[in-house]
C-alpha atoms as a PDB file:
ATOM      1  CA  MET A   1      76.280  99.693  58.844  1.00  0.00           C
ATOM      2  CA  PHE A   2      75.804  96.163  60.144  1.00  0.00           C
ATOM      3  CA  PHE A   3      78.405  94.878  57.656  1.00  0.00           C
ATOM      4  CA  ASP A   4      81.782  95.919  56.243  1.00  0.00           C
ATOM      5  CA  ILE A   5      82.455  96.207  52.522  1.00  0.00           C
ATOM      6  CA  SER A   6      85.291  94.342  50.821  1.00  0.00           C
ATOM      7  CA  LEU A   7      86.241  94.116  47.152  1.00  0.00           C
ATOM      8  CA  ALA A   8      86.507  90.816  45.317  1.00  0.00           C
ATOM      9  CA  GLU A   9      89.337  90.788  42.787  1.00  0.00           C
ATOM     10  CA  TRP A  10      87.124  89.052  40.229  1.00  0.00           C
ATOM     11  CA  SER A  11      85.385  92.409  39.738  1.00  0.00           C
ATOM     12  CA  LEU A  12      88.558  93.699  38.047  1.00  0.00           C
ATOM     13  CA  ARG A  13      89.210  90.609  35.918  1.00  0.00           C
ATOM     14  CA  VAL A  14      89.228  92.516  32.611  1.00  0.00           C
ATOM     15  CA  PRO A  15      91.882  95.140  33.491  1.00  0.00           C
ATOM     16  CA  LEU A  16      93.868  92.408  35.280  1.00  0.00           C
ATOM     17  CA  ARG A  17      93.803  90.137  32.247  1.00  0.00           C
ATOM     18  CA  LYS A  18      94.711  93.029  29.948  1.00  0.00           C
ATOM     19  CA  GLY A  19      97.677  93.923  32.146  1.00  0.00           C
ATOM     20  CA  ALA A  20      96.320  97.386  32.928  1.00  0.00           C
ATOM     21  CA  ILE A  21      96.780  96.525  36.615  1.00  0.00           C
ATOM     22  CA  SER A  22      98.452  93.644  38.418  1.00  0.00           C
ATOM     23  CA  ASN A  23      97.621  91.628  41.486  1.00  0.00           C
ATOM     24  CA  LEU A  24     100.187  93.698  43.389  1.00  0.00           C
ATOM     25  CA  ASP A  25      98.244  96.845  42.443  1.00  0.00           C
ATOM     26  CA  PHE A  26      94.969  95.469  43.739  1.00  0.00           C
ATOM     27  CA  PRO A  27      95.130  96.820  47.332  1.00  0.00           C
ATOM     28  CA  GLU A  28      96.021 100.304  46.079  1.00  0.00           C
ATOM     29  CA  VAL A  29      93.201 100.265  43.526  1.00  0.00           C
ATOM     30  CA  ALA A  30      90.753  99.178  46.222  1.00  0.00           C
ATOM     31  CA  ARG A  31      91.777 102.041  48.493  1.00  0.00           C
ATOM     32  CA  LYS A  32      92.495 104.909  46.124  1.00  0.00           C
ATOM     33  CA  GLN A  33      89.872 104.247  43.461  1.00  0.00           C
ATOM     34  CA  TYR A  34      87.030 102.939  45.600  1.00  0.00           C
ATOM     35  CA  ASP A  35      87.968 103.774  49.214  1.00  0.00           C
ATOM     36  CA  ILE A  36      87.450 100.146  50.198  1.00  0.00           C
ATOM     37  CA  GLY A  37      89.505  98.857  53.099  1.00  0.00           C
ATOM     38  CA  ALA A  38      89.462  95.084  52.569  1.00  0.00           C
ATOM     39  CA  VAL A  39      90.198  92.838  49.590  1.00  0.00           C
ATOM     40  CA  GLU A  40      89.460  89.296  48.469  1.00  0.00           C
ATOM     41  CA  TYR A  41      92.098  87.818  46.192  1.00  0.00           C
ATOM     42  CA  VAL A  42      91.601  85.253  43.410  1.00  0.00           C
ATOM     43  CA  SER A  43      94.304  82.603  43.163  1.00  0.00           C
ATOM     44  CA  GLY A  44      94.407  82.728  39.380  1.00  0.00           C
ATOM     45  CA  PHE A  45      95.735  86.291  39.396  1.00  0.00           C
ATOM     46  CA  PHE A  46      98.917  85.260  41.217  1.00  0.00           C
ATOM     47  CA  GLU A  47      99.121  81.648  40.220  1.00  0.00           C
ATOM     48  CA  ASP A  48     102.399  79.868  41.010  1.00  0.00           C
ATOM     49  CA  LYS A  49     103.337  82.582  43.522  1.00  0.00           C
ATOM     50  CA  GLU A  50     101.606  81.076  46.528  1.00  0.00           C
ATOM     51  CA  GLN A  51     104.963  79.877  47.877  1.00  0.00           C
ATOM     52  CA  ASN A  52     107.040  82.822  46.696  1.00  0.00           C
ATOM     53  CA  GLN A  53     107.867  84.551  49.961  1.00  0.00           C
ATOM     54  CA  THR A  54     109.396  87.588  48.264  1.00  0.00           C
ATOM     55  CA  TYR A  55     106.228  88.159  46.286  1.00  0.00           C
ATOM     56  CA  LEU A  56     103.939  87.543  49.256  1.00  0.00           C
ATOM     57  CA  LYS A  57     105.924  89.969  51.420  1.00  0.00           C
ATOM     58  CA  GLN A  58     105.601  92.605  48.726  1.00  0.00           C
ATOM     59  CA  LEU A  59     101.855  92.006  48.434  1.00  0.00           C
ATOM     60  CA  ARG A  60     101.382  92.156  52.188  1.00  0.00           C
ATOM     61  CA  GLN A  61     103.370  95.387  52.362  1.00  0.00           C
ATOM     62  CA  ARG A  62     101.325  96.935  49.546  1.00  0.00           C
ATOM     63  CA  ALA A  63      98.157  96.237  51.523  1.00  0.00           C
ATOM     64  CA  GLU A  64      99.633  97.552  54.762  1.00  0.00           C
ATOM     65  CA  ASP A  65     100.792 100.746  53.034  1.00  0.00           C
ATOM     66  CA  GLN A  66      97.211 101.426  51.941  1.00  0.00           C
ATOM     67  CA  GLY A  67      95.627 100.441  55.260  1.00  0.00           C
ATOM     68  CA  VAL A  68      93.837  97.589  53.499  1.00  0.00           C
ATOM     69  CA  ASP A  69      92.946  94.308  55.207  1.00  0.00           C
ATOM     70  CA  ASN A  70      93.495  91.068  53.319  1.00  0.00           C
ATOM     71  CA  ALA A  71      90.216  89.230  53.909  1.00  0.00           C
ATOM     72  CA  LEU A  72      90.455  85.972  51.993  1.00  0.00           C
ATOM     73  CA  ILE A  73      91.777  84.124  48.969  1.00  0.00           C
ATOM     74  CA  MET A  74      89.354  82.524  46.516  1.00  0.00           C
ATOM     75  CA  ILE A  75      91.142  79.342  45.456  1.00  0.00           C
ATOM     76  CA  ASP A  76      90.206  78.053  41.997  1.00  0.00           C
ATOM     77  CA  LEU A  77      92.096  74.780  41.524  1.00  0.00           C
ATOM     78  CA  TYR A  78      89.496  73.096  39.354  1.00  0.00           C
ATOM     79  CA  GLN A  79      91.907  70.420  38.181  1.00  0.00           C
ATOM     80  CA  TYR A  80      92.069  69.064  41.748  1.00  0.00           C
ATOM     81  CA  LYS A  81      88.821  67.389  42.715  1.00  0.00           C
ATOM     82  CA  THR A  82      87.698  68.151  46.242  1.00  0.00           C
ATOM     83  CA  ALA A  83      84.538  66.040  45.947  1.00  0.00           C
ATOM     84  CA  SER A  84      85.927  63.147  43.917  1.00  0.00           C
ATOM     85  CA  PRO A  85      84.763  59.650  44.835  1.00  0.00           C
ATOM     86  CA  ASP A  86      88.429  58.620  44.604  1.00  0.00           C
ATOM     87  CA  PRO A  87      90.257  59.154  47.948  1.00  0.00           C
ATOM     88  CA  LYS A  88      93.579  59.537  46.123  1.00  0.00           C
ATOM     89  CA  GLU A  89      92.225  62.402  44.036  1.00  0.00           C
ATOM     90  CA  ARG A  90      90.845  64.082  47.155  1.00  0.00           C
ATOM     91  CA  ALA A  91      94.172  63.654  48.915  1.00  0.00           C
ATOM     92  CA  LYS A  92      95.888  65.363  45.973  1.00  0.00           C
ATOM     93  CA  ALA A  93      93.367  68.203  46.147  1.00  0.00           C
ATOM     94  CA  VAL A  94      94.088  68.668  49.844  1.00  0.00           C
ATOM     95  CA  GLU A  95      97.833  68.811  49.262  1.00  0.00           C
ATOM     96  CA  MET A  96      97.496  71.367  46.466  1.00  0.00           C
ATOM     97  CA  HIS A  97      95.292  73.623  48.595  1.00  0.00           C
ATOM     98  CA  LYS A  98      97.662  73.643  51.572  1.00  0.00           C
ATOM     99  CA  PRO A  99     100.173  76.158  50.120  1.00  0.00           C
ATOM    100  CA  TRP A 100      97.304  78.573  49.480  1.00  0.00           C
ATOM    101  CA  ILE A 101      96.160  78.220  53.083  1.00  0.00           C
ATOM    102  CA  ASP A 102      99.719  79.032  54.136  1.00  0.00           C
ATOM    103  CA  ALA A 103      99.712  82.061  51.825  1.00  0.00           C
ATOM    104  CA  ALA A 104      96.408  83.249  53.286  1.00  0.00           C
ATOM    105  CA  HIS A 105      97.872  82.989  56.777  1.00  0.00           C
ATOM    106  CA  PHE A 106     100.989  84.925  55.745  1.00  0.00           C
ATOM    107  CA  LEU A 107      98.876  87.691  54.207  1.00  0.00           C
ATOM    108  CA  GLY A 108      96.705  87.970  57.318  1.00  0.00           C
ATOM    109  CA  CYS A 109      93.485  86.618  55.793  1.00  0.00           C
ATOM    110  CA  HIS A 110      90.769  85.045  57.900  1.00  0.00           C
ATOM    111  CA  ALA A 111      89.721  82.439  55.328  1.00  0.00           C
ATOM    112  CA  VAL A 112      90.111  80.751  51.985  1.00  0.00           C
ATOM    113  CA  ARG A 113      87.303  79.818  49.623  1.00  0.00           C
ATOM    114  CA  VAL A 114      87.392  76.413  47.957  1.00  0.00           C
ATOM    115  CA  ASN A 115      85.176  74.749  45.366  1.00  0.00           C
ATOM    116  CA  GLY A 116      83.193  71.528  45.608  1.00  0.00           C
ATOM    117  CA  ASN A 117      83.994  69.814  42.305  1.00  0.00           C
ATOM    118  CA  GLY A 118      84.838  66.520  40.654  1.00  0.00           C
ATOM    119  CA  TYR A 119      81.920  64.531  42.064  1.00  0.00           C
ATOM    120  CA  ASP A 120      79.792  61.792  40.525  1.00  0.00           C
ATOM    121  CA  GLU A 121      76.617  63.568  39.388  1.00  0.00           C
ATOM    122  CA  LYS A 122      74.621  60.376  39.886  1.00  0.00           C
ATOM    123  CA  ASP A 123      75.596  60.076  43.551  1.00  0.00           C
ATOM    124  CA  ARG A 124      74.331  63.108  45.439  1.00  0.00           C
ATOM    125  CA  GLN A 125      75.060  61.733  48.912  1.00  0.00           C
ATOM    126  CA  GLY A 126      78.406  60.314  47.848  1.00  0.00           C
ATOM    127  CA  ALA A 127      79.407  63.757  46.585  1.00  0.00           C
ATOM    128  CA  ALA A 128      78.434  65.290  49.919  1.00  0.00           C
ATOM    129  CA  ASP A 129      80.419  62.671  51.831  1.00  0.00           C
ATOM    130  CA  ALA A 130      83.474  63.212  49.647  1.00  0.00           C
ATOM    131  CA  LEU A 131      83.429  67.007  49.986  1.00  0.00           C
ATOM    132  CA  ALA A 132      82.857  66.729  53.744  1.00  0.00           C
ATOM    133  CA  ASP A 133      85.945  64.515  53.993  1.00  0.00           C
ATOM    134  CA  THR A 134      88.065  67.069  52.126  1.00  0.00           C
ATOM    135  CA  LEU A 135      86.749  69.930  54.228  1.00  0.00           C
ATOM    136  CA  HIS A 136      87.589  68.074  57.426  1.00  0.00           C
ATOM    137  CA  GLN A 137      91.179  67.659  56.244  1.00  0.00           C
ATOM    138  CA  LEU A 138      91.530  71.271  55.101  1.00  0.00           C
ATOM    139  CA  ALA A 139      90.019  72.523  58.353  1.00  0.00           C
ATOM    140  CA  ASP A 140      92.464  70.437  60.351  1.00  0.00           C
ATOM    141  CA  TYR A 141      95.328  71.970  58.383  1.00  0.00           C
ATOM    142  CA  GLY A 142      93.990  75.520  58.577  1.00  0.00           C
ATOM    143  CA  LYS A 143      93.211  75.356  62.272  1.00  0.00           C
ATOM    144  CA  GLY A 144      96.859  75.726  63.194  1.00  0.00           C
ATOM    145  CA  SER A 145      97.012  79.118  61.466  1.00  0.00           C
ATOM    146  CA  ASP A 146      93.447  80.285  62.218  1.00  0.00           C
ATOM    147  CA  ILE A 147      92.386  80.030  58.583  1.00  0.00           C
ATOM    148  CA  ASN A 148      88.776  79.056  57.987  1.00  0.00           C
ATOM    149  CA  VAL A 149      87.669  77.115  54.911  1.00  0.00           C
ATOM    150  CA  LEU A 150      84.603  78.381  53.074  1.00  0.00           C
ATOM    151  CA  VAL A 151      82.567  76.922  50.231  1.00  0.00           C
ATOM    152  CA  GLU A 152      80.754  79.181  47.785  1.00  0.00           C
ATOM    153  CA  ASN A 153      77.714  78.294  45.734  1.00  0.00           C
ATOM    154  CA  HIS A 154      79.730  78.081  42.538  1.00  0.00           C
ATOM    155  CA  GLY A 155      77.619  75.973  40.227  1.00  0.00           C
ATOM    156  CA  GLY A 156      76.579  72.334  40.176  1.00  0.00           C
ATOM    157  CA  PHE A 157      75.642  70.682  43.458  1.00  0.00           C
ATOM    158  CA  SER A 158      77.137  73.600  45.399  1.00  0.00           C
ATOM    159  CA  SER A 159      74.398  75.836  43.980  1.00  0.00           C
ATOM    160  CA  ASP A 160      71.772  73.560  45.516  1.00  0.00           C
ATOM    161  CA  GLY A 161      71.208  75.226  48.866  1.00  0.00           C
ATOM    162  CA  LYS A 162      69.871  72.147  50.589  1.00  0.00           C
ATOM    163  CA  TRP A 163      72.818  70.057  49.400  1.00  0.00           C
ATOM    164  CA  LEU A 164      75.502  72.515  50.524  1.00  0.00           C
ATOM    165  CA  ALA A 165      73.737  73.223  53.816  1.00  0.00           C
ATOM    166  CA  GLY A 166      73.650  69.465  54.339  1.00  0.00           C
ATOM    167  CA  VAL A 167      77.406  69.288  53.783  1.00  0.00           C
ATOM    168  CA  MET A 168      77.895  72.018  56.397  1.00  0.00           C
ATOM    169  CA  GLN A 169      75.776  70.083  58.880  1.00  0.00           C
ATOM    170  CA  GLN A 170      77.743  66.948  58.123  1.00  0.00           C
ATOM    171  CA  VAL A 171      81.110  68.676  58.652  1.00  0.00           C
ATOM    172  CA  ASN A 172      79.947  70.556  61.757  1.00  0.00           C
ATOM    173  CA  ARG A 173      83.199  72.475  62.321  1.00  0.00           C
ATOM    174  CA  GLU A 174      83.693  76.094  63.345  1.00  0.00           C
ATOM    175  CA  GLN A 175      86.531  76.342  60.842  1.00  0.00           C
ATOM    176  CA  VAL A 176      84.231  75.445  57.918  1.00  0.00           C
ATOM    177  CA  GLY A 177      81.505  77.680  56.544  1.00  0.00           C
ATOM    178  CA  THR A 178      79.882  79.115  53.451  1.00  0.00           C
ATOM    179  CA  LEU A 179      80.385  82.156  51.254  1.00  0.00           C
ATOM    180  CA  PRO A 180      76.885  82.788  49.898  1.00  0.00           C
ATOM    181  CA  ASP A 181      76.986  84.418  46.467  1.00  0.00           C
ATOM    182  CA  PHE A 182      74.065  86.493  45.152  1.00  0.00           C
ATOM    183  CA  GLY A 183      74.511  84.899  41.717  1.00  0.00           C
ATOM    184  CA  ASN A 184      75.824  81.419  40.870  1.00  0.00           C
ATOM    185  CA  ASN A 185      72.478  79.643  41.107  1.00  0.00           C
ATOM    186  CA  ARG A 186      72.912  77.427  38.041  1.00  0.00           C
ATOM    187  CA  ILE A 187      72.899  73.730  38.908  1.00  0.00           C
ATOM    188  CA  LYS A 188      73.128  72.353  35.356  1.00  0.00           C
ATOM    189  CA  ASP A 189      72.016  73.255  31.857  1.00  0.00           C
ATOM    190  CA  GLU A 190      68.953  75.451  32.334  1.00  0.00           C
ATOM    191  CA  GLU A 191      68.247  74.315  35.885  1.00  0.00           C
ATOM    192  CA  ARG A 192      68.403  77.249  38.286  1.00  0.00           C
ATOM    193  CA  TYR A 193      67.978  77.283  42.056  1.00  0.00           C
ATOM    194  CA  ASP A 194      65.948  80.121  43.549  1.00  0.00           C
ATOM    195  CA  ARG A 195      68.688  82.617  44.415  1.00  0.00           C
ATOM    196  CA  TYR A 196      66.852  84.035  47.429  1.00  0.00           C
ATOM    197  CA  LEU A 197      66.167  80.627  48.931  1.00  0.00           C
ATOM    198  CA  LEU A 198      69.757  79.643  48.176  1.00  0.00           C
ATOM    199  CA  VAL A 199      71.205  82.562  50.136  1.00  0.00           C
ATOM    200  CA  GLU A 200      68.726  82.013  52.952  1.00  0.00           C
ATOM    201  CA  GLU A 201      69.734  78.353  53.270  1.00  0.00           C
ATOM    202  CA  LEU A 202      73.455  79.146  53.291  1.00  0.00           C
ATOM    203  CA  MET A 203      73.427  82.135  55.650  1.00  0.00           C
ATOM    204  CA  PRO A 204      73.385  80.105  58.908  1.00  0.00           C
ATOM    205  CA  TYR A 205      76.904  78.937  57.994  1.00  0.00           C
ATOM    206  CA  ALA A 206      78.154  82.149  56.359  1.00  0.00           C
ATOM    207  CA  GLN A 207      81.539  83.603  57.226  1.00  0.00           C
ATOM    208  CA  GLY A 208      81.420  86.037  54.344  1.00  0.00           C
ATOM    209  CA  VAL A 209      78.974  87.176  51.654  1.00  0.00           C
ATOM    210  CA  SER A 210      79.624  87.749  47.967  1.00  0.00           C
ATOM    211  CA  ALA A 211      77.353  90.537  46.732  1.00  0.00           C
ATOM    212  CA  LYS A 212      77.401  89.765  43.038  1.00  0.00           C
ATOM    213  CA  THR A 213      75.897  92.389  40.787  1.00  0.00           C
ATOM    214  CA  TYR A 214      75.607  92.718  37.042  1.00  0.00           C
ATOM    215  CA  ASP A 215      75.306  95.597  34.591  1.00  0.00           C
ATOM    216  CA  PHE A 216      73.165  98.390  36.000  1.00  0.00           C
ATOM    217  CA  GLU A 217      70.086  99.845  34.366  1.00  0.00           C
ATOM    218  CA  PRO A 218      70.187 103.545  33.349  1.00  0.00           C
ATOM    219  CA  ASP A 219      68.300 104.444  36.545  1.00  0.00           C
ATOM    220  CA  GLY A 220      71.000 102.790  38.660  1.00  0.00           C
ATOM    221  CA  THR A 221      69.013  99.697  39.564  1.00  0.00           C
ATOM    222  CA  GLN A 222      69.882  96.020  39.176  1.00  0.00           C
ATOM    223  CA  GLY A 223      67.676  94.209  36.691  1.00  0.00           C
ATOM    224  CA  ARG A 224      68.748  90.642  37.504  1.00  0.00           C
ATOM    225  CA  VAL A 225      69.261  90.742  41.260  1.00  0.00           C
ATOM    226  CA  ASP A 226      67.106  92.265  44.015  1.00  0.00           C
ATOM    227  CA  VAL A 227      70.022  93.324  46.212  1.00  0.00           C
ATOM    228  CA  MET A 228      67.795  94.837  48.886  1.00  0.00           C
ATOM    229  CA  ARG A 229      65.861  91.593  49.276  1.00  0.00           C
ATOM    230  CA  LEU A 230      69.080  89.603  49.523  1.00  0.00           C
ATOM    231  CA  MET A 231      70.658  91.998  52.016  1.00  0.00           C
ATOM    232  CA  LYS A 232      67.567  91.718  54.191  1.00  0.00           C
ATOM    233  CA  ILE A 233      68.158  87.963  54.271  1.00  0.00           C
ATOM    234  CA  VAL A 234      71.774  88.632  55.241  1.00  0.00           C
ATOM    235  CA  LYS A 235      70.771  91.015  58.028  1.00  0.00           C
ATOM    236  CA  TYR A 236      68.029  88.833  59.457  1.00  0.00           C
ATOM    237  CA  ALA A 237      70.533  85.969  59.653  1.00  0.00           C
ATOM    238  CA  GLY A 238      72.516  88.084  62.133  1.00  0.00           C
ATOM    239  CA  PHE A 239      75.520  88.455  59.819  1.00  0.00           C
ATOM    240  CA  GLU A 240      78.036  91.201  60.656  1.00  0.00           C
ATOM    241  CA  GLY A 241      81.129  90.383  58.572  1.00  0.00           C
ATOM    242  CA  TYR A 242      82.419  91.345  55.133  1.00  0.00           C
ATOM    243  CA  VAL A 243      80.062  91.745  52.206  1.00  0.00           C
ATOM    244  CA  GLY A 244      82.308  91.534  49.176  1.00  0.00           C
ATOM    245  CA  ILE A 245      81.550  93.448  45.997  1.00  0.00           C
ATOM    246  CA  GLU A 246      81.807  91.031  43.073  1.00  0.00           C
ATOM    247  CA  PHE A 247      80.774  92.869  39.938  1.00  0.00           C
ATOM    248  CA  GLY A 248      79.925  90.393  37.200  1.00  0.00           C
ATOM    249  CA  GLY A 249      79.071  92.847  34.436  1.00  0.00           C
ATOM    250  CA  LYS A 250      81.205  94.721  31.935  1.00  0.00           C
ATOM    251  CA  LEU A 251      84.108  96.619  33.431  1.00  0.00           C
ATOM    252  CA  GLU A 252      86.525  97.626  30.722  1.00  0.00           C
ATOM    253  CA  GLU A 253      88.025 100.587  32.541  1.00  0.00           C
ATOM    254  CA  ILE A 254      88.148 101.570  36.203  1.00  0.00           C
ATOM    255  CA  GLY A 255      86.312 104.784  37.025  1.00  0.00           C
ATOM    256  CA  PRO A 256      83.868 106.558  39.340  1.00  0.00           C
ATOM    257  CA  GLN A 257      80.887 105.363  37.322  1.00  0.00           C
ATOM    258  CA  ASP A 258      81.918 101.746  36.838  1.00  0.00           C
ATOM    259  CA  GLY A 259      80.080  98.734  38.201  1.00  0.00           C
ATOM    260  CA  VAL A 260      82.151  98.483  41.369  1.00  0.00           C
ATOM    261  CA  SER A 261      81.468 102.108  42.294  1.00  0.00           C
ATOM    262  CA  LYS A 262      77.758 101.717  41.594  1.00  0.00           C
ATOM    263  CA  THR A 263      77.590  98.518  43.636  1.00  0.00           C
ATOM    264  CA  LYS A 264      79.335 100.202  46.551  1.00  0.00           C
ATOM    265  CA  ARG A 265      76.890 103.091  46.505  1.00  0.00           C
ATOM    266  CA  LEU A 266      73.995 100.658  46.346  1.00  0.00           C
ATOM    267  CA  LEU A 267      75.285  98.661  49.311  1.00  0.00           C
ATOM    268  CA  GLU A 268      75.874 101.828  51.316  1.00  0.00           C
ATOM    269  CA  GLU A 269      72.324 103.017  50.636  1.00  0.00           C
ATOM    270  CA  ILE A 270      70.903  99.652  51.618  1.00  0.00           C
ATOM    271  CA  GLY A 271      73.153  99.484  54.661  1.00  0.00           C
ATOM    272  CA  LYS A 272      71.898 102.817  55.923  1.00  0.00           C
ATOM    273  CA  GLN A 273      68.295 101.771  55.465  1.00  0.00           C
ATOM    274  CA  LEU A 274      68.719  98.427  57.204  1.00  0.00           C
ATOM    275  CA  SER A 275      71.095  99.430  60.013  1.00  0.00           C
END
């Protein structure tokens, strides 16, 4: 296939939150349950352990034992405002993200994903300028350890394709890119951005793709998302990296017929058709 499949930890949020599995189990679950060889961590599932070297060594060893690559960490530090109009708040956000960049480097990841948040909704350009400033600083820090900094369409201004593409153009750094998500097209209230246009606008800067799916229909199709159409956009953009499975539907128990397994089969079918 023209892409590799990874597994986003958010897909397993229910069993993780219930304690049925832990973050340390994640690489083994990816390999043994789904035969997926790369994982994307979520910071919230090992919060406060980003500087715990004993824990990180154990996690890295778990992945190595399973032959699983650590692809990236999705950092969700919403309390720290990366796009704040206040330089002091942005500086705090940068400092709080740095340990996670270090953790990503230690684990062998190629990137971290950050959010664009805390902006003034009345100042569209000011929000872009503020986020660009933060991304410059994070890229400078990550450059020393070859960690790239990605922004996902994750609601608000970041789900406006033209706005986020504009931020990428403004930053203009190889170490900064996007993580287009097949969902997450809500800007505010009931305002939705066209998901296909959104992905198309973000793909020129993509260093990863988040293939979000939802509950499947009885015939195995996706009612909310045309995955084939979106994957065609990904292919025609010349993308060849990781496409991460991020199942957003109900997943109470892990099994061969769960949403992750169905999404993997769907991506493999599409990959064969498009490759």
